[in-house]
Amino acid sequence: MDRSVLPRVGGICAIATVVCFVVGGILMGSSGVEVLIPETGGAGRAWAADVDQADWRFFVGAWAIILMGFLAVMALVGFYATLRDAGSALVLAPILGAVGLTLVTASHLLPIAMADELAPAYSAAEGSGTASLTATFDTLASMALVTNSAGNFLGWGVAVPAFAFAIVSTGILPRWIGWLGLAVGLLAGWLGLLSPFSSILEAASTIGFLGFFVFMLSMGVAILLRTRRHPSAMPAPTPPMSPQH
């Protein structure tokens, strides 16, 4: 079996992850909705009003973001197939990354359901019905935000740095990609946990967020170039030991 197949699939999925993010963001932004996960309070009510007025572009863009998460899981498996010579502990990276992306995907699915069912009623609520709908909306929005934060930490703060360290230590892929991944882990993964408490940390987290997609695109391109130029460099199965006489 061609040992370069799984890395190649991972490289393609990594590039497709970035494409889905860009397409999804453009579609949602053009519909008048800037973010997929709403805030609580007044910002959430404004989000509900924007979603209520949005057309099909919001929902298509949102589902492109969901597809992004699925593709990213497959990309992480391809990353491991490429870098597994770095050591057996690296197997934890795609596992923890997949758990993180599952949480992130769940946090994205919840707002889609809110937009479909709750947002129209919430934006039009008046009188005594407002308090009940506000509590429901804020609870669901808070659940989405917390779930998203937990998933992002596993992905950005654990999985990406693990792959990045494997690149830096082995040189299997260009080492600058590894240093970029370590920066993403610090800015988006670790400092991102503290971003609600400081505007400076929030700006740093945003840089790390954008850096993640540069990392994914770079990994995809680098892996595809490697499998094309040096297919024999992909990890090969260990030959069986010959019987001793």
C-alpha atoms as a PDB file:
ATOM      1  CA  MET A   1       0.000   0.000   0.000  1.00  0.00           C
ATOM      2  CA  ASP A   2       1.225   3.518  -0.814  1.00  0.00           C
ATOM      3  CA  ARG A   3       2.316   4.954   2.551  1.00  0.00           C
ATOM      4  CA  SER A   4       1.912   8.517   1.263  1.00  0.00           C
ATOM      5  CA  VAL A   5      -1.863   8.269   0.813  1.00  0.00           C
ATOM      6  CA  LEU A   6      -2.846   9.284   4.347  1.00  0.00           C
ATOM      7  CA  PRO A   7      -0.426  12.240   4.514  1.00  0.00           C
ATOM      8  CA  ARG A   8      -1.666  13.380   1.112  1.00  0.00           C
ATOM      9  CA  VAL A   9      -5.291  13.215   2.257  1.00  0.00           C
ATOM     10  CA  GLY A  10      -4.324  15.157   5.369  1.00  0.00           C
ATOM     11  CA  GLY A  11      -2.627  17.836   3.297  1.00  0.00           C
ATOM     12  CA  ILE A  12      -5.658  18.238   1.047  1.00  0.00           C
ATOM     13  CA  CYS A  13      -7.988  18.416   4.052  1.00  0.00           C
ATOM     14  CA  ALA A  14      -5.786  21.030   5.720  1.00  0.00           C
ATOM     15  CA  ILE A  15      -6.025  23.292   2.671  1.00  0.00           C
ATOM     16  CA  ALA A  16      -9.770  22.628   2.381  1.00  0.00           C
ATOM     17  CA  THR A  17     -10.140  23.595   6.061  1.00  0.00           C
ATOM     18  CA  VAL A  18      -8.819  27.068   5.286  1.00  0.00           C
ATOM     19  CA  VAL A  19     -11.007  27.348   2.185  1.00  0.00           C
ATOM     20  CA  CYS A  20     -14.136  26.494   4.199  1.00  0.00           C
ATOM     21  CA  PHE A  21     -13.209  29.060   6.852  1.00  0.00           C
ATOM     22  CA  VAL A  22     -12.758  31.824   4.266  1.00  0.00           C
ATOM     23  CA  VAL A  23     -15.899  30.919   2.309  1.00  0.00           C
ATOM     24  CA  GLY A  24     -17.973  30.556   5.467  1.00  0.00           C
ATOM     25  CA  GLY A  25     -16.781  33.875   6.853  1.00  0.00           C
ATOM     26  CA  ILE A  26     -17.475  35.708   3.606  1.00  0.00           C
ATOM     27  CA  LEU A  27     -20.964  34.261   3.268  1.00  0.00           C
ATOM     28  CA  MET A  28     -21.947  35.005   6.863  1.00  0.00           C
ATOM     29  CA  GLY A  29     -20.441  38.487   6.734  1.00  0.00           C
ATOM     30  CA  SER A  30     -22.235  39.324   3.499  1.00  0.00           C
ATOM     31  CA  SER A  31     -25.529  38.262   5.116  1.00  0.00           C
ATOM     32  CA  GLY A  32     -25.048  40.863   7.838  1.00  0.00           C
ATOM     33  CA  VAL A  33     -23.981  38.486  10.638  1.00  0.00           C
ATOM     34  CA  GLU A  34     -20.376  38.981  11.736  1.00  0.00           C
ATOM     35  CA  VAL A  35     -19.952  36.002  14.094  1.00  0.00           C
ATOM     36  CA  LEU A  36     -21.416  32.520  14.371  1.00  0.00           C
ATOM     37  CA  ILE A  37     -21.453  32.248  18.168  1.00  0.00           C
ATOM     38  CA  PRO A  38     -23.437  35.075  19.818  1.00  0.00           C
ATOM     39  CA  GLU A  39     -22.512  36.901  22.995  1.00  0.00           C
ATOM     40  CA  THR A  40     -24.888  37.175  25.926  1.00  0.00           C
ATOM     41  CA  GLY A  41     -26.871  40.270  26.887  1.00  0.00           C
ATOM     42  CA  GLY A  42     -27.484  43.140  24.508  1.00  0.00           C
ATOM     43  CA  ALA A  43     -24.949  41.877  21.972  1.00  0.00           C
ATOM     44  CA  GLY A  44     -26.887  38.625  21.782  1.00  0.00           C
ATOM     45  CA  ARG A  45     -30.135  40.436  21.108  1.00  0.00           C
ATOM     46  CA  ALA A  46     -28.444  42.347  18.277  1.00  0.00           C
ATOM     47  CA  TRP A  47     -27.112  39.046  16.889  1.00  0.00           C
ATOM     48  CA  ALA A  48     -30.609  37.559  16.987  1.00  0.00           C
ATOM     49  CA  ALA A  49     -31.997  40.563  15.112  1.00  0.00           C
ATOM     50  CA  ASP A  50     -29.257  40.291  12.470  1.00  0.00           C
ATOM     51  CA  VAL A  51     -29.849  36.549  12.047  1.00  0.00           C
ATOM     52  CA  ASP A  52     -33.588  37.090  11.789  1.00  0.00           C
ATOM     53  CA  GLN A  53     -32.962  39.441   8.860  1.00  0.00           C
ATOM     54  CA  ALA A  54     -30.270  37.304   7.223  1.00  0.00           C
ATOM     55  CA  ASP A  55     -30.876  35.207   4.132  1.00  0.00           C
ATOM     56  CA  TRP A  56     -29.608  31.823   2.996  1.00  0.00           C
ATOM     57  CA  ARG A  57     -25.995  33.035   2.985  1.00  0.00           C
ATOM     58  CA  PHE A  58     -25.806  32.908   6.772  1.00  0.00           C
ATOM     59  CA  PHE A  59     -26.869  29.268   6.973  1.00  0.00           C
ATOM     60  CA  VAL A  60     -24.704  28.149   4.034  1.00  0.00           C
ATOM     61  CA  GLY A  61     -21.747  29.975   5.571  1.00  0.00           C
ATOM     62  CA  ALA A  62     -22.442  28.424   8.968  1.00  0.00           C
ATOM     63  CA  TRP A  63     -22.545  24.924   7.509  1.00  0.00           C
ATOM     64  CA  ALA A  64     -19.257  25.639   5.706  1.00  0.00           C
ATOM     65  CA  ILE A  65     -17.775  26.287   9.147  1.00  0.00           C
ATOM     66  CA  ILE A  66     -19.178  22.948  10.330  1.00  0.00           C
ATOM     67  CA  LEU A  67     -17.556  21.231   7.345  1.00  0.00           C
ATOM     68  CA  MET A  68     -14.327  23.008   8.280  1.00  0.00           C
ATOM     69  CA  GLY A  69     -14.291  21.165  11.600  1.00  0.00           C
ATOM     70  CA  PHE A  70     -14.796  17.768   9.972  1.00  0.00           C
ATOM     71  CA  LEU A  71     -12.002  18.394   7.480  1.00  0.00           C
ATOM     72  CA  ALA A  72      -9.653  19.605  10.217  1.00  0.00           C
ATOM     73  CA  VAL A  73     -10.043  16.282  12.071  1.00  0.00           C
ATOM     74  CA  MET A  74      -8.928  14.392   8.965  1.00  0.00           C
ATOM     75  CA  ALA A  75      -6.080  16.858   8.485  1.00  0.00           C
ATOM     76  CA  LEU A  76      -4.753  16.136  11.983  1.00  0.00           C
ATOM     77  CA  VAL A  77      -4.663  12.410  11.225  1.00  0.00           C
ATOM     78  CA  GLY A  78      -2.653  13.179   8.095  1.00  0.00           C
ATOM     79  CA  PHE A  79      -0.280  15.354  10.131  1.00  0.00           C
ATOM     80  CA  TYR A  80       0.353  12.448  12.470  1.00  0.00           C
ATOM     81  CA  ALA A  81       0.972  10.066   9.564  1.00  0.00           C
ATOM     82  CA  THR A  82       3.610  12.479   8.285  1.00  0.00           C
ATOM     83  CA  LEU A  83       5.318  13.196  11.620  1.00  0.00           C
ATOM     84  CA  ARG A  84       4.930   9.934  13.535  1.00  0.00           C
ATOM     85  CA  ASP A  85       8.676   9.233  13.387  1.00  0.00           C
ATOM     86  CA  ALA A  86       8.947  11.988  16.017  1.00  0.00           C
ATOM     87  CA  GLY A  87       7.847   9.474  18.675  1.00  0.00           C
ATOM     88  CA  SER A  88       4.959   7.396  19.926  1.00  0.00           C
ATOM     89  CA  ALA A  89       3.695  10.168  22.240  1.00  0.00           C
ATOM     90  CA  LEU A  90       2.681  12.186  19.183  1.00  0.00           C
ATOM     91  CA  VAL A  91      -0.374   9.931  18.786  1.00  0.00           C
ATOM     92  CA  LEU A  92      -1.978  12.029  21.533  1.00  0.00           C
ATOM     93  CA  ALA A  93      -1.985  15.094  19.258  1.00  0.00           C
ATOM     94  CA  PRO A  94      -4.636  13.928  16.740  1.00  0.00           C
ATOM     95  CA  ILE A  95      -6.673  12.311  19.525  1.00  0.00           C
ATOM     96  CA  LEU A  96      -6.817  15.433  21.694  1.00  0.00           C
ATOM     97  CA  GLY A  97      -7.179  17.600  18.610  1.00  0.00           C
ATOM     98  CA  ALA A  98     -10.164  15.554  17.433  1.00  0.00           C
ATOM     99  CA  VAL A  99     -11.794  15.879  20.865  1.00  0.00           C
ATOM    100  CA  GLY A 100     -11.219  19.625  20.746  1.00  0.00           C
ATOM    101  CA  LEU A 101     -12.641  19.952  17.258  1.00  0.00           C
ATOM    102  CA  THR A 102     -15.677  17.903  18.279  1.00  0.00           C
ATOM    103  CA  LEU A 103     -16.351  20.413  21.059  1.00  0.00           C
ATOM    104  CA  VAL A 104     -15.813  23.325  18.675  1.00  0.00           C
ATOM    105  CA  THR A 105     -18.177  21.790  16.119  1.00  0.00           C
ATOM    106  CA  ALA A 106     -20.823  21.319  18.829  1.00  0.00           C
ATOM    107  CA  SER A 107     -20.411  24.975  19.790  1.00  0.00           C
ATOM    108  CA  HIS A 108     -21.046  25.918  16.157  1.00  0.00           C
ATOM    109  CA  LEU A 109     -24.061  23.650  15.742  1.00  0.00           C
ATOM    110  CA  LEU A 110     -25.821  25.184  18.741  1.00  0.00           C
ATOM    111  CA  PRO A 111     -26.006  28.710  17.238  1.00  0.00           C
ATOM    112  CA  ILE A 112     -27.353  27.261  13.979  1.00  0.00           C
ATOM    113  CA  ALA A 113     -30.215  25.726  15.946  1.00  0.00           C
ATOM    114  CA  MET A 114     -30.667  29.005  17.853  1.00  0.00           C
ATOM    115  CA  ALA A 115     -30.781  30.943  14.596  1.00  0.00           C
ATOM    116  CA  ASP A 116     -33.378  28.605  13.155  1.00  0.00           C
ATOM    117  CA  GLU A 117     -35.758  28.398  16.116  1.00  0.00           C
ATOM    118  CA  LEU A 118     -34.960  30.866  18.906  1.00  0.00           C
ATOM    119  CA  ALA A 119     -33.634  33.994  17.200  1.00  0.00           C
ATOM    120  CA  PRO A 120     -36.898  35.002  15.451  1.00  0.00           C
ATOM    121  CA  ALA A 121     -38.884  34.739  18.688  1.00  0.00           C
ATOM    122  CA  TYR A 122     -36.157  36.407  20.741  1.00  0.00           C
ATOM    123  CA  SER A 123     -35.768  39.424  18.471  1.00  0.00           C
ATOM    124  CA  ALA A 124     -39.538  39.946  18.352  1.00  0.00           C
ATOM    125  CA  ALA A 125     -40.209  39.313  22.049  1.00  0.00           C
ATOM    126  CA  GLU A 126     -42.032  41.970  24.060  1.00  0.00           C
ATOM    127  CA  GLY A 127     -43.373  42.280  27.573  1.00  0.00           C
ATOM    128  CA  SER A 128     -43.351  39.292  29.911  1.00  0.00           C
ATOM    129  CA  GLY A 129     -42.071  36.912  27.260  1.00  0.00           C
ATOM    130  CA  THR A 130     -38.808  38.823  26.911  1.00  0.00           C
ATOM    131  CA  ALA A 131     -37.345  37.750  30.263  1.00  0.00           C
ATOM    132  CA  SER A 132     -37.921  34.041  29.652  1.00  0.00           C
ATOM    133  CA  LEU A 133     -36.520  34.116  26.128  1.00  0.00           C
ATOM    134  CA  THR A 134     -33.571  36.228  27.272  1.00  0.00           C
ATOM    135  CA  ALA A 135     -32.669  33.674  29.947  1.00  0.00           C
ATOM    136  CA  THR A 136     -32.929  30.827  27.452  1.00  0.00           C
ATOM    137  CA  PHE A 137     -30.914  32.661  24.816  1.00  0.00           C
ATOM    138  CA  ASP A 138     -28.165  33.698  27.235  1.00  0.00           C
ATOM    139  CA  THR A 139     -27.904  30.170  28.640  1.00  0.00           C
ATOM    140  CA  LEU A 140     -27.482  28.609  25.206  1.00  0.00           C
ATOM    141  CA  ALA A 141     -25.057  31.326  24.096  1.00  0.00           C
ATOM    142  CA  SER A 142     -22.987  30.828  27.247  1.00  0.00           C
ATOM    143  CA  MET A 143     -22.919  27.062  26.674  1.00  0.00           C
ATOM    144  CA  ALA A 144     -21.682  27.605  23.125  1.00  0.00           C
ATOM    145  CA  LEU A 145     -18.977  30.041  24.253  1.00  0.00           C
ATOM    146  CA  VAL A 146     -17.703  27.789  27.048  1.00  0.00           C
ATOM    147  CA  THR A 147     -17.708  24.693  24.843  1.00  0.00           C
ATOM    148  CA  ASN A 148     -15.897  26.600  22.117  1.00  0.00           C
ATOM    149  CA  SER A 149     -13.229  27.820  24.547  1.00  0.00           C
ATOM    150  CA  ALA A 150     -12.586  24.311  25.878  1.00  0.00           C
ATOM    151  CA  GLY A 151     -12.320  22.869  22.374  1.00  0.00           C
ATOM    152  CA  ASN A 152     -10.060  25.655  21.142  1.00  0.00           C
ATOM    153  CA  PHE A 153      -7.693  25.116  24.047  1.00  0.00           C
ATOM    154  CA  LEU A 154      -7.303  21.427  23.238  1.00  0.00           C
ATOM    155  CA  GLY A 155      -6.719  22.229  19.578  1.00  0.00           C
ATOM    156  CA  TRP A 156      -4.631  25.374  19.736  1.00  0.00           C
ATOM    157  CA  GLY A 157      -3.043  24.907  23.135  1.00  0.00           C
ATOM    158  CA  VAL A 158      -2.202  21.184  22.992  1.00  0.00           C
ATOM    159  CA  ALA A 159      -2.496  19.537  19.550  1.00  0.00           C
ATOM    160  CA  VAL A 160      -0.941  22.293  17.440  1.00  0.00           C
ATOM    161  CA  PRO A 161       2.099  22.760  19.737  1.00  0.00           C
ATOM    162  CA  ALA A 162       2.627  18.987  19.788  1.00  0.00           C
ATOM    163  CA  PHE A 163       2.780  18.838  16.004  1.00  0.00           C
ATOM    164  CA  ALA A 164       4.885  22.003  15.964  1.00  0.00           C
ATOM    165  CA  PHE A 165       7.435  20.554  18.399  1.00  0.00           C
ATOM    166  CA  ALA A 166       7.658  17.411  16.275  1.00  0.00           C
ATOM    167  CA  ILE A 167       8.452  19.546  13.232  1.00  0.00           C
ATOM    168  CA  VAL A 168      11.085  21.625  15.032  1.00  0.00           C
ATOM    169  CA  SER A 169      12.760  18.584  16.570  1.00  0.00           C
ATOM    170  CA  THR A 170      12.851  16.421  13.437  1.00  0.00           C
ATOM    171  CA  GLY A 171      12.899  18.780  10.461  1.00  0.00           C
ATOM    172  CA  ILE A 172      10.569  16.451   8.558  1.00  0.00           C
ATOM    173  CA  LEU A 173       8.753  19.599   7.378  1.00  0.00           C
ATOM    174  CA  PRO A 174      10.174  23.149   7.221  1.00  0.00           C
ATOM    175  CA  ARG A 175      11.017  24.213  10.758  1.00  0.00           C
ATOM    176  CA  TRP A 176       9.510  27.673  10.363  1.00  0.00           C
ATOM    177  CA  ILE A 177       6.086  25.978  10.269  1.00  0.00           C
ATOM    178  CA  GLY A 178       6.889  24.431  13.624  1.00  0.00           C
ATOM    179  CA  TRP A 179       7.851  27.790  15.126  1.00  0.00           C
ATOM    180  CA  LEU A 180       4.615  29.233  13.747  1.00  0.00           C
ATOM    181  CA  GLY A 181       2.668  26.420  15.409  1.00  0.00           C
ATOM    182  CA  LEU A 182       4.353  27.083  18.751  1.00  0.00           C
ATOM    183  CA  ALA A 183       3.403  30.758  18.454  1.00  0.00           C
ATOM    184  CA  VAL A 184      -0.200  29.764  17.712  1.00  0.00           C
ATOM    185  CA  GLY A 185      -0.213  27.550  20.794  1.00  0.00           C
ATOM    186  CA  LEU A 186       1.019  30.375  23.000  1.00  0.00           C
ATOM    187  CA  LEU A 187      -1.123  33.185  21.598  1.00  0.00           C
ATOM    188  CA  ALA A 188      -4.400  31.428  20.764  1.00  0.00           C
ATOM    189  CA  GLY A 189      -4.213  28.433  23.080  1.00  0.00           C
ATOM    190  CA  TRP A 190      -2.758  29.655  26.355  1.00  0.00           C
ATOM    191  CA  LEU A 191      -3.088  33.437  26.293  1.00  0.00           C
ATOM    192  CA  GLY A 192      -6.498  32.965  24.668  1.00  0.00           C
ATOM    193  CA  LEU A 193      -7.806  31.607  27.975  1.00  0.00           C
ATOM    194  CA  LEU A 194      -7.100  35.001  29.564  1.00  0.00           C
ATOM    195  CA  SER A 195      -8.316  37.140  26.654  1.00  0.00           C
ATOM    196  CA  PRO A 196     -11.650  38.071  28.340  1.00  0.00           C
ATOM    197  CA  PHE A 197      -9.685  39.902  31.042  1.00  0.00           C
ATOM    198  CA  SER A 198      -7.437  42.088  28.867  1.00  0.00           C
ATOM    199  CA  SER A 199      -7.782  43.847  25.522  1.00  0.00           C
ATOM    200  CA  ILE A 200      -4.067  43.281  24.883  1.00  0.00           C
ATOM    201  CA  LEU A 201      -4.415  39.531  25.414  1.00  0.00           C
ATOM    202  CA  GLU A 202      -7.524  39.546  23.250  1.00  0.00           C
ATOM    203  CA  ALA A 203      -5.530  41.142  20.413  1.00  0.00           C
ATOM    204  CA  ALA A 204      -2.764  38.556  20.887  1.00  0.00           C
ATOM    205  CA  SER A 205      -5.359  35.777  20.808  1.00  0.00           C
ATOM    206  CA  THR A 206      -6.768  37.144  17.555  1.00  0.00           C
ATOM    207  CA  ILE A 207      -3.301  37.065  15.990  1.00  0.00           C
ATOM    208  CA  GLY A 208      -2.957  33.450  17.118  1.00  0.00           C
ATOM    209  CA  PHE A 209      -6.400  32.627  15.710  1.00  0.00           C
ATOM    210  CA  LEU A 210      -5.399  33.908  12.276  1.00  0.00           C
ATOM    211  CA  GLY A 211      -2.004  32.241  12.618  1.00  0.00           C
ATOM    212  CA  PHE A 212      -3.730  28.882  13.057  1.00  0.00           C
ATOM    213  CA  PHE A 213      -5.144  29.043   9.546  1.00  0.00           C
ATOM    214  CA  VAL A 214      -1.752  30.082   8.159  1.00  0.00           C
ATOM    215  CA  PHE A 215      -0.339  27.049   9.988  1.00  0.00           C
ATOM    216  CA  MET A 216      -2.966  24.733   8.490  1.00  0.00           C
ATOM    217  CA  LEU A 217      -2.428  26.084   4.974  1.00  0.00           C
ATOM    218  CA  SER A 218       1.352  25.826   5.322  1.00  0.00           C
ATOM    219  CA  MET A 219       1.119  22.271   6.642  1.00  0.00           C
ATOM    220  CA  GLY A 220      -1.140  21.249   3.780  1.00  0.00           C
ATOM    221  CA  VAL A 221       1.120  22.687   1.108  1.00  0.00           C
ATOM    222  CA  ALA A 222       4.307  21.359   2.720  1.00  0.00           C
ATOM    223  CA  ILE A 223       2.930  17.834   3.092  1.00  0.00           C
ATOM    224  CA  LEU A 224       1.661  17.714  -0.496  1.00  0.00           C
ATOM    225  CA  LEU A 225       5.024  18.927  -1.809  1.00  0.00           C
ATOM    226  CA  ARG A 226       6.820  16.338   0.317  1.00  0.00           C
ATOM    227  CA  THR A 227       4.649  13.441  -0.865  1.00  0.00           C
ATOM    228  CA  ARG A 228       5.072  14.561  -4.484  1.00  0.00           C
ATOM    229  CA  ARG A 229       8.841  15.046  -4.414  1.00  0.00           C
ATOM    230  CA  HIS A 230       9.858  12.348  -1.953  1.00  0.00           C
ATOM    231  CA  PRO A 231       7.163   9.649  -1.752  1.00  0.00           C
ATOM    232  CA  SER A 232       9.768   7.188  -0.494  1.00  0.00           C
ATOM    233  CA  ALA A 233      10.425   9.477   2.488  1.00  0.00           C
ATOM    234  CA  MET A 234       7.038   8.670   3.975  1.00  0.00           C
ATOM    235  CA  PRO A 235       7.153   6.294   6.953  1.00  0.00           C
ATOM    236  CA  ALA A 236       7.515   2.705   5.784  1.00  0.00           C
ATOM    237  CA  PRO A 237       6.453  -0.445   7.572  1.00  0.00           C
ATOM    238  CA  THR A 238       9.152  -2.267   9.538  1.00  0.00           C
ATOM    239  CA  PRO A 239      10.172  -5.442   7.707  1.00  0.00           C
ATOM    240  CA  PRO A 240       9.615  -8.704   9.568  1.00  0.00           C
ATOM    241  CA  MET A 241      12.611 -10.247  11.243  1.00  0.00           C
ATOM    242  CA  SER A 242      14.001 -13.311   9.538  1.00  0.00           C
ATOM    243  CA  PRO A 243      13.872 -16.520  11.559  1.00  0.00           C
ATOM    244  CA  GLN A 244      17.107 -17.554  13.203  1.00  0.00           C
ATOM    245  CA  HIS A 245      18.479 -21.022  12.610  1.00  0.00           C
END
